[in-house]
Protein backbone atom coordinates (compact mmCIF):
# COMPACT_ATOMS: atom_id res chain seq x y z
CA MET A 1 -130.35 29.52 18.14
CA LYS A 2 -128.25 30.21 15.08
CA ARG A 3 -125.80 27.49 16.07
CA TRP A 4 -128.58 24.91 16.12
CA LEU A 5 -129.82 26.17 12.79
CA ILE A 6 -126.38 25.64 11.25
CA VAL A 7 -126.14 22.15 12.71
CA VAL A 8 -129.61 21.28 11.40
CA VAL A 9 -129.14 22.87 7.98
CA ALA A 10 -125.61 21.62 7.32
CA PRO A 11 -126.48 17.89 7.34
CA ALA A 12 -129.57 18.57 5.27
CA VAL A 13 -127.38 20.17 2.61
CA LEU A 14 -124.27 18.03 2.94
CA LEU A 15 -125.89 14.59 2.91
CA PRO A 16 -127.61 14.99 -0.47
CA ALA A 17 -124.41 16.49 -1.92
CA LEU A 18 -122.38 13.59 -0.55
CA ALA A 19 -124.90 11.12 -1.95
CA VAL A 20 -124.59 12.69 -5.42
CA ILE A 21 -120.81 12.48 -5.28
CA VAL A 22 -120.82 8.85 -4.14
CA PHE A 23 -123.39 7.89 -6.80
CA SER A 24 -121.37 9.64 -9.51
CA VAL A 25 -118.21 7.78 -8.56
CA LEU A 26 -119.97 4.41 -8.34
CA ALA A 27 -121.94 4.89 -11.57
CA GLY A 28 -118.87 6.03 -13.47
CA GLY A 29 -117.62 2.48 -13.88
CA SER A 30 -114.27 1.62 -15.30
CA GLY A 31 -112.80 0.07 -18.37
CA LYS A 32 -113.75 0.36 -21.99
CA GLU A 33 -117.33 1.54 -21.51
CA GLN A 34 -115.97 4.66 -19.81
CA GLU A 35 -113.30 5.25 -22.45
CA THR A 36 -115.68 5.00 -25.39
CA ARG A 37 -118.65 7.01 -24.16
CA VAL A 38 -119.90 8.66 -27.34
CA THR A 39 -123.17 10.06 -28.59
CA PRO A 40 -125.11 9.72 -31.86
CA SER A 41 -124.41 13.38 -32.63
CA ASP A 42 -120.83 12.27 -33.32
CA PHE A 43 -121.83 9.89 -36.14
CA PRO A 44 -119.75 9.99 -39.34
CA ASP A 45 -121.41 9.81 -42.75
CA PHE A 46 -120.99 6.02 -43.18
CA VAL A 47 -123.45 5.45 -40.31
CA TYR A 48 -126.23 6.91 -42.46
CA SER A 49 -125.75 4.48 -45.38
CA SER A 50 -129.02 2.69 -44.50
CA PRO A 51 -131.64 2.66 -41.75
CA LYS A 52 -130.33 -0.74 -40.56
CA VAL A 53 -126.78 0.60 -40.23
CA GLU A 54 -127.92 3.72 -38.40
CA SER A 55 -130.02 1.61 -36.04
CA GLY A 56 -127.05 -0.67 -35.31
CA TYR A 57 -124.77 2.23 -34.44
CA ARG A 58 -127.44 3.83 -32.25
CA LEU A 59 -127.85 0.52 -30.42
CA ALA A 60 -124.09 0.32 -29.95
CA VAL A 61 -123.95 3.81 -28.47
CA GLU A 62 -126.86 3.08 -26.14
CA ASN A 63 -125.56 -0.36 -25.07
CA GLN A 64 -121.79 -0.01 -24.95
CA GLN A 65 -121.30 -1.99 -21.75
CA LEU A 66 -123.48 -4.84 -23.06
CA PHE A 67 -121.81 -4.93 -26.49
CA ASP A 68 -118.42 -5.00 -24.76
CA ARG A 69 -119.45 -8.35 -23.25
CA MET A 70 -120.80 -9.95 -26.45
CA PRO A 71 -118.81 -11.78 -29.12
CA CYS A 72 -119.00 -11.18 -32.83
CA TYR A 73 -118.95 -14.09 -35.28
CA CYS A 74 -118.24 -12.33 -38.57
CA GLY A 75 -114.53 -13.17 -38.48
CA CYS A 76 -113.42 -9.72 -37.35
CA GLY A 77 -111.50 -11.24 -34.44
CA ALA A 78 -109.01 -12.60 -36.98
CA MET A 79 -108.38 -9.35 -38.85
CA PRO A 80 -104.59 -8.98 -39.06
CA GLU A 81 -104.25 -5.25 -38.44
CA ASP A 82 -106.98 -4.57 -35.89
CA PRO A 83 -108.56 -7.75 -34.51
CA HIS A 84 -111.80 -7.07 -32.71
CA ARG A 85 -112.26 -8.36 -29.16
CA ASN A 86 -116.04 -8.06 -28.93
CA LEU A 87 -119.15 -6.72 -30.64
CA LEU A 88 -118.50 -3.16 -29.45
CA ASP A 89 -115.22 -3.07 -31.39
CA CYS A 90 -117.20 -3.54 -34.61
CA PHE A 91 -118.88 -0.18 -33.98
CA ILE A 92 -116.65 1.92 -31.71
CA ASN A 93 -112.87 2.06 -31.44
CA ASN A 94 -110.95 2.32 -28.16
CA ASP A 95 -110.37 6.02 -28.73
CA GLY A 96 -114.13 6.66 -28.99
CA SER A 97 -114.19 7.11 -32.77
CA PHE A 98 -116.57 5.05 -34.85
CA ASP A 99 -115.28 1.98 -36.66
CA SER A 100 -116.72 1.63 -40.16
CA HIS A 101 -116.58 -2.18 -40.02
CA ALA A 102 -120.18 -2.76 -38.89
CA SER A 103 -121.53 -0.41 -41.54
CA GLY A 104 -120.79 -3.09 -44.12
CA CYS A 105 -121.40 -6.21 -42.07
CA ASP A 106 -124.87 -7.71 -41.66
CA VAL A 107 -123.61 -10.22 -39.09
CA CYS A 108 -122.50 -7.43 -36.73
CA LEU A 109 -125.76 -5.54 -37.26
CA ASP A 110 -127.90 -8.65 -36.75
CA ILE A 111 -126.09 -9.62 -33.54
CA ALA A 112 -126.50 -6.05 -32.25
CA SER A 113 -130.22 -6.11 -32.91
CA ASP A 114 -130.68 -9.56 -31.39
CA VAL A 115 -128.68 -8.74 -28.25
CA VAL A 116 -130.75 -5.65 -27.50
CA GLN A 117 -134.01 -7.49 -28.22
CA TRP A 118 -133.11 -10.42 -25.95
CA ARG A 119 -132.15 -8.10 -23.10
CA ALA A 120 -135.42 -6.17 -23.58
CA GLU A 121 -137.23 -9.50 -23.21
CA GLY A 122 -135.67 -9.80 -19.76
CA ARG A 123 -132.91 -12.27 -20.51
CA SER A 124 -129.74 -12.00 -18.43
CA VAL A 125 -126.41 -11.05 -19.97
CA THR A 126 -125.28 -14.68 -19.60
CA GLU A 127 -128.42 -16.00 -21.32
CA THR A 128 -128.05 -13.40 -24.08
CA ARG A 129 -124.44 -14.44 -24.63
CA SER A 130 -125.52 -18.10 -24.88
CA LEU A 131 -128.17 -17.19 -27.45
CA VAL A 132 -125.60 -15.27 -29.52
CA ASP A 133 -123.23 -18.24 -29.39
CA ALA A 134 -125.95 -20.69 -30.39
CA LYS A 135 -127.34 -18.60 -33.24
CA TYR A 136 -124.12 -17.25 -34.77
CA GLN A 137 -121.34 -19.77 -34.09
CA SER A 138 -121.78 -21.32 -37.53
CA TYR A 139 -120.99 -17.97 -39.20
CA GLY A 140 -117.31 -17.98 -38.26
CA PRO A 141 -114.86 -17.80 -35.39
CA ALA A 142 -115.85 -15.76 -32.34
CA THR A 143 -113.96 -12.75 -31.11
CA SER A 144 -111.90 -13.28 -27.96
CA THR A 145 -114.59 -11.75 -25.77
CA GLY A 146 -114.27 -12.59 -22.09
CA PRO A 147 -117.05 -14.27 -20.15
CA ALA A 148 -120.44 -12.57 -19.99
CA VAL A 149 -121.03 -12.33 -16.25
CA ASP A 150 -124.29 -10.86 -14.97
């Protein structure tokens, strides 16, 4: 009887544990969004310079994978020392520290707000990217962001 109990109990315990492990590995992702996972509790003082700036940085923290796929049109892609590759770079550096650039740039903050709003409206990542391009391309050159694939 005890042998049957072990056989019955073991799968009941092991399967959920295995499912948690598999989900954790699959949800972990790869690439920049994993490298830059930060929280608002890590904010430096420049993030609190205005409610708009604080909101932008909070949106960046909450939407890192999305911002990584969106371009910025403020000209930051042409900065000589640290050219940005995407909207996320305006807020968060590769090492997970916060970049002060967006704290003084309304274009970055406006794109951040628009991107999150458009996604909340149910638009796909590709549609959101097209809307960013259409609305902001006249502001300056885009960052070298790769394609926004859903």
